[in-house]
Amino acid sequence: MDLLDVLLALELVGVFAFALDGALTAMRSAHLDLFGVVTLGIVTAIGGGLLRDVLLGELPPASLRTWYYLTTATAGALAAFWGHRLLSRLSRPILIFDTAGLSLFCITGAQTALESGLGGGQAILLGGLTAVGGGTLRDVLVRRVPSILTGGLYAVPALVGASVAVLGDEFGADTLAWSLLGAAACAALRIGGILRGWHAPRAALSSPDALDE
């Protein structure tokens, strides 16, 4: 199995995890019906990858050019819809699936960009976009402030994970090992940010009116 096959397998795992996340969010935040749950699950699962492919000029995007992305996303959404009672027994299931999708997509997005001939900096940005794009679309559709804007660590872990994956490629090291290390770093920062209250630096304003002065 070559690197592209491994990346595809990891991306499909991320698609399934994000589909579960989007579907569970739909049921908890918007109380949608089956069609709405599946739609939001699919948007969450393939949104970031679709944006990445459009920017790379890979048209039509891989998620629409093949059958397995949409099938995997639909399966994940349906699994969440029919198995939400079982999943609700997990501790914070949305956090688990969101973190899994974020961690896997940041490295597959970065490696896909590198395979397309982009430089390291561009690959890091596209890795971050692949990771947060679907979740951002999910939040907008349920009329919630996107996670990347709420001050918690969301985009930062994705960029760190993508950076680690790109560093491995730049140094000519074991690409898969460094990619998995990047995914682990992303997951650790994401979970640590939630459990320990870590957040990105915030502007030090004395009051909301300070901007008007």
C-alpha atoms as a PDB file:
ATOM      1  CA  MET A   1       0.000   0.000   0.000  1.00  0.00           C
ATOM      2  CA  ASP A   2       1.546   3.332  -1.084  1.00  0.00           C
ATOM      3  CA  LEU A   3       1.168   6.731   0.555  1.00  0.00           C
ATOM      4  CA  LEU A   4      -1.821   7.767  -1.586  1.00  0.00           C
ATOM      5  CA  ASP A   5      -3.728   4.657  -0.524  1.00  0.00           C
ATOM      6  CA  VAL A   6      -2.948   5.366   3.134  1.00  0.00           C
ATOM      7  CA  LEU A   7      -4.048   8.995   2.756  1.00  0.00           C
ATOM      8  CA  LEU A   8      -7.298   7.874   1.144  1.00  0.00           C
ATOM      9  CA  ALA A   9      -7.973   5.422   3.977  1.00  0.00           C
ATOM     10  CA  LEU A  10      -7.246   8.081   6.619  1.00  0.00           C
ATOM     11  CA  GLU A  11      -9.419  10.623   4.809  1.00  0.00           C
ATOM     12  CA  LEU A  12     -12.339   8.198   4.654  1.00  0.00           C
ATOM     13  CA  VAL A  13     -12.014   7.586   8.401  1.00  0.00           C
ATOM     14  CA  GLY A  14     -12.089  11.363   8.835  1.00  0.00           C
ATOM     15  CA  VAL A  15     -15.140  11.611   6.583  1.00  0.00           C
ATOM     16  CA  PHE A  16     -16.968   9.025   8.675  1.00  0.00           C
ATOM     17  CA  ALA A  17     -16.004  10.749  11.950  1.00  0.00           C
ATOM     18  CA  PHE A  18     -17.059  14.196  10.721  1.00  0.00           C
ATOM     19  CA  ALA A  19     -20.323  12.774   9.369  1.00  0.00           C
ATOM     20  CA  LEU A  20     -21.084  11.374  12.820  1.00  0.00           C
ATOM     21  CA  ASP A  21     -20.186  14.727  14.341  1.00  0.00           C
ATOM     22  CA  GLY A  22     -22.334  16.737  11.931  1.00  0.00           C
ATOM     23  CA  ALA A  23     -25.311  14.421  12.315  1.00  0.00           C
ATOM     24  CA  LEU A  24     -25.143  14.459  16.117  1.00  0.00           C
ATOM     25  CA  THR A  25     -24.863  18.250  16.053  1.00  0.00           C
ATOM     26  CA  ALA A  26     -27.928  18.411  13.805  1.00  0.00           C
ATOM     27  CA  MET A  27     -29.976  16.323  16.226  1.00  0.00           C
ATOM     28  CA  ARG A  28     -28.845  18.214  19.324  1.00  0.00           C
ATOM     29  CA  SER A  29     -28.706  21.772  18.054  1.00  0.00           C
ATOM     30  CA  ALA A  30     -31.336  21.962  15.338  1.00  0.00           C
ATOM     31  CA  HIS A  31     -33.663  18.961  15.901  1.00  0.00           C
ATOM     32  CA  LEU A  32     -33.671  18.171  12.186  1.00  0.00           C
ATOM     33  CA  ASP A  33     -35.445  15.280  10.479  1.00  0.00           C
ATOM     34  CA  LEU A  34     -33.669  12.383   8.767  1.00  0.00           C
ATOM     35  CA  PHE A  35     -33.023  14.321   5.557  1.00  0.00           C
ATOM     36  CA  GLY A  36     -31.656  17.291   7.473  1.00  0.00           C
ATOM     37  CA  VAL A  37     -29.457  15.097   9.657  1.00  0.00           C
ATOM     38  CA  VAL A  38     -27.945  13.298   6.649  1.00  0.00           C
ATOM     39  CA  THR A  39     -27.456  16.569   4.755  1.00  0.00           C
ATOM     40  CA  LEU A  40     -25.646  18.233   7.644  1.00  0.00           C
ATOM     41  CA  GLY A  41     -23.549  15.120   8.188  1.00  0.00           C
ATOM     42  CA  ILE A  42     -22.467  15.081   4.535  1.00  0.00           C
ATOM     43  CA  VAL A  43     -21.701  18.822   4.486  1.00  0.00           C
ATOM     44  CA  THR A  44     -19.576  18.480   7.621  1.00  0.00           C
ATOM     45  CA  ALA A  45     -17.776  15.454   6.239  1.00  0.00           C
ATOM     46  CA  ILE A  46     -16.850  16.636   2.744  1.00  0.00           C
ATOM     47  CA  GLY A  47     -17.024  20.427   3.006  1.00  0.00           C
ATOM     48  CA  GLY A  48     -13.349  20.988   3.853  1.00  0.00           C
ATOM     49  CA  GLY A  49     -12.065  18.541   1.261  1.00  0.00           C
ATOM     50  CA  LEU A  50     -14.329  20.032  -1.384  1.00  0.00           C
ATOM     51  CA  LEU A  51     -12.960  23.537  -0.729  1.00  0.00           C
ATOM     52  CA  ARG A  52      -9.399  22.182  -0.842  1.00  0.00           C
ATOM     53  CA  ASP A  53      -9.920  20.466  -4.187  1.00  0.00           C
ATOM     54  CA  VAL A  54     -11.519  23.552  -5.714  1.00  0.00           C
ATOM     55  CA  LEU A  55      -8.502  25.675  -4.674  1.00  0.00           C
ATOM     56  CA  LEU A  56      -6.138  23.035  -6.058  1.00  0.00           C
ATOM     57  CA  GLY A  57      -8.012  23.010  -9.361  1.00  0.00           C
ATOM     58  CA  GLU A  58      -8.963  19.354  -8.897  1.00  0.00           C
ATOM     59  CA  LEU A  59     -12.306  19.541 -10.683  1.00  0.00           C
ATOM     60  CA  PRO A  60     -14.663  17.939 -10.212  1.00  0.00           C
ATOM     61  CA  PRO A  61     -13.609  17.493  -6.550  1.00  0.00           C
ATOM     62  CA  ALA A  62     -12.700  13.982  -5.407  1.00  0.00           C
ATOM     63  CA  SER A  63     -15.756  13.876  -3.144  1.00  0.00           C
ATOM     64  CA  LEU A  64     -17.994  14.233  -6.214  1.00  0.00           C
ATOM     65  CA  ARG A  65     -15.826  12.338  -8.703  1.00  0.00           C
ATOM     66  CA  THR A  66     -15.920   9.031  -6.815  1.00  0.00           C
ATOM     67  CA  TRP A  67     -18.634   7.138  -4.970  1.00  0.00           C
ATOM     68  CA  TYR A  68     -16.896   6.296  -1.715  1.00  0.00           C
ATOM     69  CA  TYR A  69     -16.745   9.788  -0.141  1.00  0.00           C
ATOM     70  CA  LEU A  70     -20.482  10.393  -0.322  1.00  0.00           C
ATOM     71  CA  THR A  71     -21.226   6.778   0.594  1.00  0.00           C
ATOM     72  CA  THR A  72     -18.977   6.946   3.662  1.00  0.00           C
ATOM     73  CA  ALA A  73     -20.443  10.305   4.718  1.00  0.00           C
ATOM     74  CA  THR A  74     -23.996   9.032   4.299  1.00  0.00           C
ATOM     75  CA  ALA A  75     -23.187   5.880   6.257  1.00  0.00           C
ATOM     76  CA  GLY A  76     -21.737   7.954   9.097  1.00  0.00           C
ATOM     77  CA  ALA A  77     -24.758  10.249   9.220  1.00  0.00           C
ATOM     78  CA  LEU A  78     -27.193   7.321   9.199  1.00  0.00           C
ATOM     79  CA  ALA A  79     -25.178   5.556  11.897  1.00  0.00           C
ATOM     80  CA  ALA A  80     -25.512   8.643  14.083  1.00  0.00           C
ATOM     81  CA  PHE A  81     -29.232   8.960  13.361  1.00  0.00           C
ATOM     82  CA  TRP A  82     -30.094   5.342  14.137  1.00  0.00           C
ATOM     83  CA  GLY A  83     -27.489   4.828  16.840  1.00  0.00           C
ATOM     84  CA  HIS A  84     -27.628   8.135  18.691  1.00  0.00           C
ATOM     85  CA  ARG A  85     -28.910   6.485  21.867  1.00  0.00           C
ATOM     86  CA  LEU A  86     -25.865   4.228  21.958  1.00  0.00           C
ATOM     87  CA  LEU A  87     -23.489   7.035  21.014  1.00  0.00           C
ATOM     88  CA  SER A  88     -24.947   9.292  23.713  1.00  0.00           C
ATOM     89  CA  ARG A  89     -23.518   6.917  26.300  1.00  0.00           C
ATOM     90  CA  LEU A  90     -20.034   8.009  25.288  1.00  0.00           C
ATOM     91  CA  SER A  91     -18.469  10.906  27.152  1.00  0.00           C
ATOM     92  CA  ARG A  92     -18.901  13.976  24.932  1.00  0.00           C
ATOM     93  CA  PRO A  93     -19.285  12.072  21.634  1.00  0.00           C
ATOM     94  CA  ILE A  94     -19.344  15.205  19.474  1.00  0.00           C
ATOM     95  CA  LEU A  95     -15.935  16.223  20.869  1.00  0.00           C
ATOM     96  CA  ILE A  96     -14.527  12.767  20.116  1.00  0.00           C
ATOM     97  CA  PHE A  97     -15.692  12.647  16.507  1.00  0.00           C
ATOM     98  CA  ASP A  98     -14.908  16.309  15.833  1.00  0.00           C
ATOM     99  CA  THR A  99     -11.361  15.844  17.135  1.00  0.00           C
ATOM    100  CA  ALA A 100     -10.880  12.695  15.066  1.00  0.00           C
ATOM    101  CA  GLY A 101     -12.034  14.410  11.875  1.00  0.00           C
ATOM    102  CA  LEU A 102      -9.978  17.529  12.582  1.00  0.00           C
ATOM    103  CA  SER A 103      -6.811  15.521  13.253  1.00  0.00           C
ATOM    104  CA  LEU A 104      -7.095  13.308  10.195  1.00  0.00           C
ATOM    105  CA  PHE A 105      -8.133  16.009   7.743  1.00  0.00           C
ATOM    106  CA  CYS A 106      -5.322  18.402   8.678  1.00  0.00           C
ATOM    107  CA  ILE A 107      -2.695  15.843   7.642  1.00  0.00           C
ATOM    108  CA  THR A 108      -4.489  14.474   4.568  1.00  0.00           C
ATOM    109  CA  GLY A 109      -5.183  18.010   3.368  1.00  0.00           C
ATOM    110  CA  ALA A 110      -1.536  18.994   3.767  1.00  0.00           C
ATOM    111  CA  GLN A 111      -0.229  15.858   2.079  1.00  0.00           C
ATOM    112  CA  THR A 112      -2.706  16.199  -0.797  1.00  0.00           C
ATOM    113  CA  ALA A 113      -1.460  19.741  -1.353  1.00  0.00           C
ATOM    114  CA  LEU A 114       2.163  18.553  -1.340  1.00  0.00           C
ATOM    115  CA  GLU A 115       1.309  15.770  -3.802  1.00  0.00           C
ATOM    116  CA  SER A 116      -0.178  18.463  -6.065  1.00  0.00           C
ATOM    117  CA  GLY A 117       3.142  20.311  -6.130  1.00  0.00           C
ATOM    118  CA  LEU A 118       2.442  23.131  -3.656  1.00  0.00           C
ATOM    119  CA  GLY A 119       5.058  24.444  -1.243  1.00  0.00           C
ATOM    120  CA  GLY A 120       5.160  23.814   2.485  1.00  0.00           C
ATOM    121  CA  GLY A 121       3.430  27.037   3.545  1.00  0.00           C
ATOM    122  CA  GLN A 122       0.558  26.573   1.122  1.00  0.00           C
ATOM    123  CA  ALA A 123       0.218  22.932   2.165  1.00  0.00           C
ATOM    124  CA  ILE A 124      -0.108  23.934   5.825  1.00  0.00           C
ATOM    125  CA  LEU A 125      -2.843  26.450   4.987  1.00  0.00           C
ATOM    126  CA  LEU A 126      -4.760  23.937   2.875  1.00  0.00           C
ATOM    127  CA  GLY A 127      -4.357  21.314   5.595  1.00  0.00           C
ATOM    128  CA  GLY A 128      -5.951  23.721   8.060  1.00  0.00           C
ATOM    129  CA  LEU A 129      -8.715  24.595   5.608  1.00  0.00           C
ATOM    130  CA  THR A 130      -9.477  20.931   4.954  1.00  0.00           C
ATOM    131  CA  ALA A 131      -9.748  20.336   8.703  1.00  0.00           C
ATOM    132  CA  VAL A 132     -11.926  23.300   9.701  1.00  0.00           C
ATOM    133  CA  GLY A 133     -13.932  23.871   6.502  1.00  0.00           C
ATOM    134  CA  GLY A 134     -16.601  21.245   7.127  1.00  0.00           C
ATOM    135  CA  GLY A 135     -17.038  22.165  10.776  1.00  0.00           C
ATOM    136  CA  THR A 136     -17.385  25.832   9.876  1.00  0.00           C
ATOM    137  CA  LEU A 137     -20.095  25.078   7.311  1.00  0.00           C
ATOM    138  CA  ARG A 138     -21.816  22.888   9.921  1.00  0.00           C
ATOM    139  CA  ASP A 139     -21.881  25.708  12.473  1.00  0.00           C
ATOM    140  CA  VAL A 140     -23.196  28.236   9.953  1.00  0.00           C
ATOM    141  CA  LEU A 141     -26.024  25.920   8.891  1.00  0.00           C
ATOM    142  CA  VAL A 142     -27.204  25.419  12.493  1.00  0.00           C
ATOM    143  CA  ARG A 143     -26.895  29.182  13.133  1.00  0.00           C
ATOM    144  CA  ARG A 144     -24.035  28.836  15.597  1.00  0.00           C
ATOM    145  CA  VAL A 145     -20.897  30.971  15.826  1.00  0.00           C
ATOM    146  CA  PRO A 146     -18.213  28.917  14.019  1.00  0.00           C
ATOM    147  CA  SER A 147     -15.758  27.177  16.311  1.00  0.00           C
ATOM    148  CA  ILE A 148     -12.805  28.922  14.642  1.00  0.00           C
ATOM    149  CA  LEU A 149     -14.159  32.294  15.865  1.00  0.00           C
ATOM    150  CA  THR A 150     -15.046  31.482  19.464  1.00  0.00           C
ATOM    151  CA  GLY A 151     -11.559  31.809  20.928  1.00  0.00           C
ATOM    152  CA  GLY A 152     -11.002  28.130  21.684  1.00  0.00           C
ATOM    153  CA  LEU A 153      -8.267  26.078  20.053  1.00  0.00           C
ATOM    154  CA  TYR A 154      -9.739  24.781  16.807  1.00  0.00           C
ATOM    155  CA  ALA A 155      -7.878  26.124  13.789  1.00  0.00           C
ATOM    156  CA  VAL A 156      -4.567  26.324  15.678  1.00  0.00           C
ATOM    157  CA  PRO A 157      -4.348  22.558  16.381  1.00  0.00           C
ATOM    158  CA  ALA A 158      -5.165  21.866  12.727  1.00  0.00           C
ATOM    159  CA  LEU A 159      -2.380  24.173  11.546  1.00  0.00           C
ATOM    160  CA  VAL A 160       0.078  22.642  14.023  1.00  0.00           C
ATOM    161  CA  GLY A 161      -0.806  19.131  12.864  1.00  0.00           C
ATOM    162  CA  ALA A 162      -0.434  20.117   9.223  1.00  0.00           C
ATOM    163  CA  SER A 163       2.919  21.780  10.002  1.00  0.00           C
ATOM    164  CA  VAL A 164       4.289  18.615  11.585  1.00  0.00           C
ATOM    165  CA  ALA A 165       3.225  16.573   8.557  1.00  0.00           C
ATOM    166  CA  VAL A 166       4.845  19.064   6.180  1.00  0.00           C
ATOM    167  CA  LEU A 167       8.083  19.137   8.211  1.00  0.00           C
ATOM    168  CA  GLY A 168       8.446  15.402   7.792  1.00  0.00           C
ATOM    169  CA  ASP A 169       8.131  15.790   4.036  1.00  0.00           C
ATOM    170  CA  GLU A 170      10.619  18.686   3.966  1.00  0.00           C
ATOM    171  CA  PHE A 171      13.206  16.667   5.900  1.00  0.00           C
ATOM    172  CA  GLY A 172      12.705  13.615   3.726  1.00  0.00           C
ATOM    173  CA  ALA A 173      11.708  11.559   6.757  1.00  0.00           C
ATOM    174  CA  ASP A 174       9.076   8.837   7.003  1.00  0.00           C
ATOM    175  CA  THR A 175       6.067  10.741   5.636  1.00  0.00           C
ATOM    176  CA  LEU A 176       3.442   8.462   7.153  1.00  0.00           C
ATOM    177  CA  ALA A 177       5.064   8.484  10.597  1.00  0.00           C
ATOM    178  CA  TRP A 178       5.307  12.285  10.630  1.00  0.00           C
ATOM    179  CA  SER A 179       1.732  12.594   9.387  1.00  0.00           C
ATOM    180  CA  LEU A 180       0.457  10.405  12.216  1.00  0.00           C
ATOM    181  CA  LEU A 181       2.568  12.440  14.638  1.00  0.00           C
ATOM    182  CA  GLY A 182       0.915  15.568  13.267  1.00  0.00           C
ATOM    183  CA  ALA A 183      -2.527  14.050  13.782  1.00  0.00           C
ATOM    184  CA  ALA A 184      -1.615  13.169  17.383  1.00  0.00           C
ATOM    185  CA  ALA A 185      -0.345  16.712  18.016  1.00  0.00           C
ATOM    186  CA  CYS A 186      -3.567  18.180  16.633  1.00  0.00           C
ATOM    187  CA  ALA A 187      -5.711  15.905  18.795  1.00  0.00           C
ATOM    188  CA  ALA A 188      -3.674  16.638  21.922  1.00  0.00           C
ATOM    189  CA  LEU A 189      -3.951  20.401  21.455  1.00  0.00           C
ATOM    190  CA  ARG A 190      -7.663  20.247  20.656  1.00  0.00           C
ATOM    191  CA  ILE A 191      -8.556  18.108  23.659  1.00  0.00           C
ATOM    192  CA  GLY A 192      -6.151  19.969  25.936  1.00  0.00           C
ATOM    193  CA  GLY A 193      -7.657  23.270  24.865  1.00  0.00           C
ATOM    194  CA  ILE A 194     -11.120  22.107  25.870  1.00  0.00           C
ATOM    195  CA  LEU A 195     -10.179  20.368  29.111  1.00  0.00           C
ATOM    196  CA  ARG A 196      -7.671  22.984  30.289  1.00  0.00           C
ATOM    197  CA  GLY A 197      -9.315  26.085  28.857  1.00  0.00           C
ATOM    198  CA  TRP A 198      -6.459  26.957  26.505  1.00  0.00           C
ATOM    199  CA  HIS A 199      -7.265  29.534  23.858  1.00  0.00           C
ATOM    200  CA  ALA A 200      -5.598  31.691  21.250  1.00  0.00           C
ATOM    201  CA  PRO A 201      -4.408  35.172  22.322  1.00  0.00           C
ATOM    202  CA  ARG A 202      -7.213  37.679  22.609  1.00  0.00           C
ATOM    203  CA  ALA A 203      -7.190  41.422  22.093  1.00  0.00           C
ATOM    204  CA  ALA A 204      -6.762  43.273  25.389  1.00  0.00           C
ATOM    205  CA  LEU A 205      -9.685  45.712  25.231  1.00  0.00           C
ATOM    206  CA  SER A 206     -10.823  47.425  28.394  1.00  0.00           C
ATOM    207  CA  SER A 207     -14.441  47.589  27.208  1.00  0.00           C
ATOM    208  CA  PRO A 208     -16.522  46.998  24.066  1.00  0.00           C
ATOM    209  CA  ASP A 209     -16.513  50.773  23.509  1.00  0.00           C
ATOM    210  CA  ALA A 210     -12.715  50.859  23.283  1.00  0.00           C
ATOM    211  CA  LEU A 211     -12.872  50.218  19.535  1.00  0.00           C
ATOM    212  CA  ASP A 212     -14.854  53.429  19.060  1.00  0.00           C
ATOM    213  CA  GLU A 213     -12.319  55.667  20.791  1.00  0.00           C
END
